[in-house]
Amino acid sequence: MPAPKFKPIHLLPLDEAKLEELLRDLEGGLRGLCSNGREVQDFLLPVMRQSLDFHRRVASPPPWRGYLGVKSDAKRLVGVCGFKGKPGAMGEVEIAYGTVPGFEGRGHAAGMAAALVAIAFKSPEVPRMVAHTLPECNVSGRVLQKVGMTNVGEVMDPEDGRVWRWEIRRPKPSPSRC
């Protein structure tokens, strides 16, 4: 079965300095990053404030931070995504994502999630990625299935309570044939 194709999403990294810069002048900062900055400001402002607070608490090094998801062909900001910290003691890293209202249901969330999977598995220290969703069948679960994640059951998250845990393991290398 061929690997699924995803919307081409370019991820723009958000470190503390970039978040502070954008929060000082969101309209001006977005003007240089995307063509729909004015339309996404209301969605983005609280997300960026929360991201800056999270970044200051967690201080994850690159690439384990947040990103803006920009639709490559039209330079339109379609969402935000990122890692919920650096890999843990077992090398596990958690992802999260959100789509800008008006861009839902078009494959952008899957494109961002797939890009995060690719980033994480470039690091040899990450054998597994995880994500959490509400404990019900929903769009987020379908997005995670599209990128190869499997629902491994219900867990208690310290911040979110009862959730479903999704995982994907690093693909094993194909044996070489001589």
C-alpha atoms as a PDB file:
ATOM      1  CA  MET A   1       0.000   0.000   0.000  1.00  0.00           C
ATOM      2  CA  PRO A   2       1.517   3.387  -0.961  1.00  0.00           C
ATOM      3  CA  ALA A   3       2.145   5.966   1.778  1.00  0.00           C
ATOM      4  CA  PRO A   4      -0.646   8.529   2.035  1.00  0.00           C
ATOM      5  CA  LYS A   5      -0.080  11.924   0.463  1.00  0.00           C
ATOM      6  CA  PHE A   6      -0.600  14.978   2.659  1.00  0.00           C
ATOM      7  CA  LYS A   7      -1.173  18.636   1.934  1.00  0.00           C
ATOM      8  CA  PRO A   8       2.211  20.324   1.568  1.00  0.00           C
ATOM      9  CA  ILE A   9       2.532  22.329   4.789  1.00  0.00           C
ATOM     10  CA  HIS A  10       5.606  24.405   5.538  1.00  0.00           C
ATOM     11  CA  LEU A  11       6.368  24.605   9.264  1.00  0.00           C
ATOM     12  CA  LEU A  12       7.774  27.897  10.556  1.00  0.00           C
ATOM     13  CA  PRO A  13       9.490  27.425  13.954  1.00  0.00           C
ATOM     14  CA  LEU A  14       8.350  29.510  16.916  1.00  0.00           C
ATOM     15  CA  ASP A  15      11.066  30.077  19.501  1.00  0.00           C
ATOM     16  CA  GLU A  16      10.697  32.485  22.409  1.00  0.00           C
ATOM     17  CA  ALA A  17      12.166  35.445  20.495  1.00  0.00           C
ATOM     18  CA  LYS A  18       9.870  34.888  17.485  1.00  0.00           C
ATOM     19  CA  LEU A  19       6.804  34.574  19.730  1.00  0.00           C
ATOM     20  CA  GLU A  20       7.698  37.798  21.560  1.00  0.00           C
ATOM     21  CA  GLU A  21       8.290  39.597  18.262  1.00  0.00           C
ATOM     22  CA  LEU A  22       4.953  38.461  16.852  1.00  0.00           C
ATOM     23  CA  LEU A  23       3.078  39.373  20.029  1.00  0.00           C
ATOM     24  CA  ARG A  24       4.539  42.908  19.923  1.00  0.00           C
ATOM     25  CA  ASP A  25       3.256  43.423  16.359  1.00  0.00           C
ATOM     26  CA  LEU A  26       1.156  40.489  15.237  1.00  0.00           C
ATOM     27  CA  GLU A  27      -0.238  42.125  12.105  1.00  0.00           C
ATOM     28  CA  GLY A  28       3.177  43.335  10.929  1.00  0.00           C
ATOM     29  CA  GLY A  29       4.900  40.070  11.807  1.00  0.00           C
ATOM     30  CA  LEU A  30       2.334  37.948  10.006  1.00  0.00           C
ATOM     31  CA  ARG A  31       2.510  40.165   6.925  1.00  0.00           C
ATOM     32  CA  GLY A  32       5.978  38.772   6.229  1.00  0.00           C
ATOM     33  CA  LEU A  33       4.999  35.166   6.951  1.00  0.00           C
ATOM     34  CA  CYS A  34       1.643  34.626   5.291  1.00  0.00           C
ATOM     35  CA  SER A  35      -0.930  36.207   3.004  1.00  0.00           C
ATOM     36  CA  ASN A  36      -3.904  35.889   5.386  1.00  0.00           C
ATOM     37  CA  GLY A  37      -2.510  37.418   8.579  1.00  0.00           C
ATOM     38  CA  ARG A  38      -5.459  39.738   9.228  1.00  0.00           C
ATOM     39  CA  GLU A  39      -7.927  36.868   8.897  1.00  0.00           C
ATOM     40  CA  VAL A  40      -6.147  34.610  11.405  1.00  0.00           C
ATOM     41  CA  GLN A  41      -5.161  37.107  14.117  1.00  0.00           C
ATOM     42  CA  ASP A  42      -8.135  36.421  16.403  1.00  0.00           C
ATOM     43  CA  PHE A  43      -7.406  32.688  16.321  1.00  0.00           C
ATOM     44  CA  LEU A  44      -3.657  33.088  16.643  1.00  0.00           C
ATOM     45  CA  LEU A  45      -3.305  35.666  19.430  1.00  0.00           C
ATOM     46  CA  PRO A  46      -4.431  33.477  22.371  1.00  0.00           C
ATOM     47  CA  VAL A  47      -2.569  30.468  20.945  1.00  0.00           C
ATOM     48  CA  MET A  48       0.653  32.470  20.737  1.00  0.00           C
ATOM     49  CA  ARG A  49       0.276  33.789  24.294  1.00  0.00           C
ATOM     50  CA  GLN A  50      -0.258  30.234  25.540  1.00  0.00           C
ATOM     51  CA  SER A  51       2.702  29.013  23.449  1.00  0.00           C
ATOM     52  CA  LEU A  52       4.997  31.681  24.867  1.00  0.00           C
ATOM     53  CA  ASP A  53       3.969  30.791  28.422  1.00  0.00           C
ATOM     54  CA  PHE A  54       4.514  27.089  27.674  1.00  0.00           C
ATOM     55  CA  HIS A  55       7.879  27.760  26.028  1.00  0.00           C
ATOM     56  CA  ARG A  56       9.063  29.779  29.026  1.00  0.00           C
ATOM     57  CA  ARG A  57       8.029  26.986  31.427  1.00  0.00           C
ATOM     58  CA  VAL A  58       9.412  24.095  29.388  1.00  0.00           C
ATOM     59  CA  ALA A  59      12.279  25.733  27.433  1.00  0.00           C
ATOM     60  CA  SER A  60      12.555  22.987  24.843  1.00  0.00           C
ATOM     61  CA  PRO A  61      15.497  23.179  22.457  1.00  0.00           C
ATOM     62  CA  PRO A  62      15.026  22.940  18.680  1.00  0.00           C
ATOM     63  CA  PRO A  63      13.272  21.146  17.082  1.00  0.00           C
ATOM     64  CA  TRP A  64      11.026  20.362  20.093  1.00  0.00           C
ATOM     65  CA  ARG A  65       8.883  23.500  19.998  1.00  0.00           C
ATOM     66  CA  GLY A  66       5.893  25.046  18.277  1.00  0.00           C
ATOM     67  CA  TYR A  67       5.384  25.852  14.609  1.00  0.00           C
ATOM     68  CA  LEU A  68       3.084  27.850  12.385  1.00  0.00           C
ATOM     69  CA  GLY A  69       1.650  25.727   9.582  1.00  0.00           C
ATOM     70  CA  VAL A  70       1.641  27.575   6.264  1.00  0.00           C
ATOM     71  CA  LYS A  71       0.041  26.134   3.151  1.00  0.00           C
ATOM     72  CA  SER A  72       2.943  25.972   0.752  1.00  0.00           C
ATOM     73  CA  ASP A  73       1.179  26.755  -2.508  1.00  0.00           C
ATOM     74  CA  ALA A  74      -0.726  29.860  -1.323  1.00  0.00           C
ATOM     75  CA  LYS A  75       1.349  31.050   1.655  1.00  0.00           C
ATOM     76  CA  ARG A  76      -1.767  30.954   3.837  1.00  0.00           C
ATOM     77  CA  LEU A  77      -1.483  30.230   7.536  1.00  0.00           C
ATOM     78  CA  VAL A  78      -3.660  27.165   8.162  1.00  0.00           C
ATOM     79  CA  GLY A  79      -2.775  26.147  11.707  1.00  0.00           C
ATOM     80  CA  VAL A  80      -0.367  25.715  14.568  1.00  0.00           C
ATOM     81  CA  CYS A  81       1.350  22.587  15.785  1.00  0.00           C
ATOM     82  CA  GLY A  82       4.256  21.454  17.830  1.00  0.00           C
ATOM     83  CA  PHE A  83       5.828  19.175  20.348  1.00  0.00           C
ATOM     84  CA  LYS A  84       4.727  19.239  23.972  1.00  0.00           C
ATOM     85  CA  GLY A  85       8.311  19.352  25.167  1.00  0.00           C
ATOM     86  CA  LYS A  86      11.520  17.541  24.398  1.00  0.00           C
ATOM     87  CA  PRO A  87      11.751  13.733  24.329  1.00  0.00           C
ATOM     88  CA  GLY A  88      11.290  12.096  27.722  1.00  0.00           C
ATOM     89  CA  ALA A  89      13.542   9.551  29.422  1.00  0.00           C
ATOM     90  CA  MET A  90      12.332   6.797  27.074  1.00  0.00           C
ATOM     91  CA  GLY A  91      12.730   9.020  23.999  1.00  0.00           C
ATOM     92  CA  GLU A  92       8.993   9.542  23.604  1.00  0.00           C
ATOM     93  CA  VAL A  93       7.723  12.890  22.305  1.00  0.00           C
ATOM     94  CA  GLU A  94       4.125  14.163  22.239  1.00  0.00           C
ATOM     95  CA  ILE A  95       2.577  16.243  19.467  1.00  0.00           C
ATOM     96  CA  ALA A  96      -0.349  18.663  19.324  1.00  0.00           C
ATOM     97  CA  TYR A  97      -1.949  20.622  16.483  1.00  0.00           C
ATOM     98  CA  GLY A  98      -4.830  22.932  15.695  1.00  0.00           C
ATOM     99  CA  THR A  99      -6.329  24.195  12.463  1.00  0.00           C
ATOM    100  CA  VAL A 100      -7.389  27.799  11.828  1.00  0.00           C
ATOM    101  CA  PRO A 101     -11.194  28.099  11.559  1.00  0.00           C
ATOM    102  CA  GLY A 102     -12.184  27.928   7.906  1.00  0.00           C
ATOM    103  CA  PHE A 103      -9.348  25.537   7.048  1.00  0.00           C
ATOM    104  CA  GLU A 104     -10.716  22.473   8.856  1.00  0.00           C
ATOM    105  CA  GLY A 105     -11.515  19.311   6.952  1.00  0.00           C
ATOM    106  CA  ARG A 106      -9.073  19.977   4.125  1.00  0.00           C
ATOM    107  CA  GLY A 107      -6.158  17.785   5.192  1.00  0.00           C
ATOM    108  CA  HIS A 108      -4.094  20.543   6.790  1.00  0.00           C
ATOM    109  CA  ALA A 109      -4.069  18.992  10.284  1.00  0.00           C
ATOM    110  CA  ALA A 110      -2.827  15.714   8.815  1.00  0.00           C
ATOM    111  CA  GLY A 111      -0.196  17.632   6.849  1.00  0.00           C
ATOM    112  CA  MET A 112       1.068  19.328  10.007  1.00  0.00           C
ATOM    113  CA  ALA A 113       1.007  16.070  12.003  1.00  0.00           C
ATOM    114  CA  ALA A 114       2.892  14.259   9.228  1.00  0.00           C
ATOM    115  CA  ALA A 115       5.521  17.021   9.181  1.00  0.00           C
ATOM    116  CA  LEU A 116       5.964  16.647  12.956  1.00  0.00           C
ATOM    117  CA  VAL A 117       6.361  12.875  12.574  1.00  0.00           C
ATOM    118  CA  ALA A 118       9.072  13.475   9.970  1.00  0.00           C
ATOM    119  CA  ILE A 119      10.893  15.951  12.230  1.00  0.00           C
ATOM    120  CA  ALA A 120      10.747  13.647  15.252  1.00  0.00           C
ATOM    121  CA  PHE A 121      11.958  10.556  13.453  1.00  0.00           C
ATOM    122  CA  LYS A 122      14.992  12.431  12.100  1.00  0.00           C
ATOM    123  CA  SER A 123      16.223  12.312  15.689  1.00  0.00           C
ATOM    124  CA  PRO A 124      17.748   8.946  16.607  1.00  0.00           C
ATOM    125  CA  GLU A 125      16.704   9.491  20.239  1.00  0.00           C
ATOM    126  CA  VAL A 126      12.966   9.242  19.393  1.00  0.00           C
ATOM    127  CA  PRO A 127      11.669   5.678  18.992  1.00  0.00           C
ATOM    128  CA  ARG A 128       8.000   6.632  19.500  1.00  0.00           C
ATOM    129  CA  MET A 129       5.640   9.582  19.190  1.00  0.00           C
ATOM    130  CA  VAL A 130       2.369   9.998  21.043  1.00  0.00           C
ATOM    131  CA  ALA A 131      -0.712  12.204  20.985  1.00  0.00           C
ATOM    132  CA  HIS A 132      -3.816  12.442  23.147  1.00  0.00           C
ATOM    133  CA  THR A 133      -7.422  13.058  22.130  1.00  0.00           C
ATOM    134  CA  LEU A 134     -10.751  13.169  23.870  1.00  0.00           C
ATOM    135  CA  PRO A 135     -11.819   9.592  24.664  1.00  0.00           C
ATOM    136  CA  GLU A 136     -14.233   9.352  21.719  1.00  0.00           C
ATOM    137  CA  CYS A 137     -14.205   8.844  17.973  1.00  0.00           C
ATOM    138  CA  ASN A 138     -13.552  12.271  16.470  1.00  0.00           C
ATOM    139  CA  VAL A 139     -11.707  14.210  13.771  1.00  0.00           C
ATOM    140  CA  SER A 140      -8.465  14.335  15.772  1.00  0.00           C
ATOM    141  CA  GLY A 141      -8.376  10.561  15.968  1.00  0.00           C
ATOM    142  CA  ARG A 142      -8.910  10.286  12.209  1.00  0.00           C
ATOM    143  CA  VAL A 143      -6.047  12.751  11.637  1.00  0.00           C
ATOM    144  CA  LEU A 144      -3.751  10.652  13.812  1.00  0.00           C
ATOM    145  CA  GLN A 145      -4.764   7.455  12.006  1.00  0.00           C
ATOM    146  CA  LYS A 146      -3.898   9.107   8.675  1.00  0.00           C
ATOM    147  CA  VAL A 147      -0.322   9.685   9.844  1.00  0.00           C
ATOM    148  CA  GLY A 148       0.035   6.103  11.044  1.00  0.00           C
ATOM    149  CA  MET A 149      -0.797   6.444  14.730  1.00  0.00           C
ATOM    150  CA  THR A 150      -2.704   3.713  16.554  1.00  0.00           C
ATOM    151  CA  ASN A 151      -5.061   4.099  19.501  1.00  0.00           C
ATOM    152  CA  VAL A 152      -3.412   2.149  22.331  1.00  0.00           C
ATOM    153  CA  GLY A 153      -6.075   2.804  24.961  1.00  0.00           C
ATOM    154  CA  GLU A 154      -7.287   5.168  27.597  1.00  0.00           C
ATOM    155  CA  VAL A 155      -4.942   6.932  30.022  1.00  0.00           C
ATOM    156  CA  MET A 156      -5.144   9.677  32.638  1.00  0.00           C
ATOM    157  CA  ASP A 157      -3.275  12.780  31.548  1.00  0.00           C
ATOM    158  CA  PRO A 158      -2.213  15.049  34.457  1.00  0.00           C
ATOM    159  CA  GLU A 159      -3.390  18.173  32.582  1.00  0.00           C
ATOM    160  CA  ASP A 160      -6.299  16.885  30.491  1.00  0.00           C
ATOM    161  CA  GLY A 161      -7.792  14.041  32.538  1.00  0.00           C
ATOM    162  CA  ARG A 162      -9.123  10.925  30.790  1.00  0.00           C
ATOM    163  CA  VAL A 163      -7.846  10.745  27.181  1.00  0.00           C
ATOM    164  CA  TRP A 164      -7.131   8.249  24.439  1.00  0.00           C
ATOM    165  CA  ARG A 165      -3.435   7.694  23.796  1.00  0.00           C
ATOM    166  CA  TRP A 166      -2.220   7.366  20.215  1.00  0.00           C
ATOM    167  CA  GLU A 167       1.242   6.121  19.236  1.00  0.00           C
ATOM    168  CA  ILE A 168       3.475   5.623  16.255  1.00  0.00           C
ATOM    169  CA  ARG A 169       6.820   3.870  16.441  1.00  0.00           C
ATOM    170  CA  ARG A 170       9.851   4.625  14.331  1.00  0.00           C
ATOM    171  CA  PRO A 171       9.714   2.460  11.230  1.00  0.00           C
ATOM    172  CA  LYS A 172      12.188  -0.376  11.318  1.00  0.00           C
ATOM    173  CA  PRO A 173      14.755  -0.242   8.530  1.00  0.00           C
ATOM    174  CA  SER A 174      14.172  -2.688   5.717  1.00  0.00           C
ATOM    175  CA  PRO A 175      16.680  -5.527   5.703  1.00  0.00           C
ATOM    176  CA  SER A 176      19.222  -5.141   2.946  1.00  0.00           C
ATOM    177  CA  ARG A 177      19.132  -7.693   0.192  1.00  0.00           C
ATOM    178  CA  CYS A 178      22.392  -8.885  -1.267  1.00  0.00           C
END
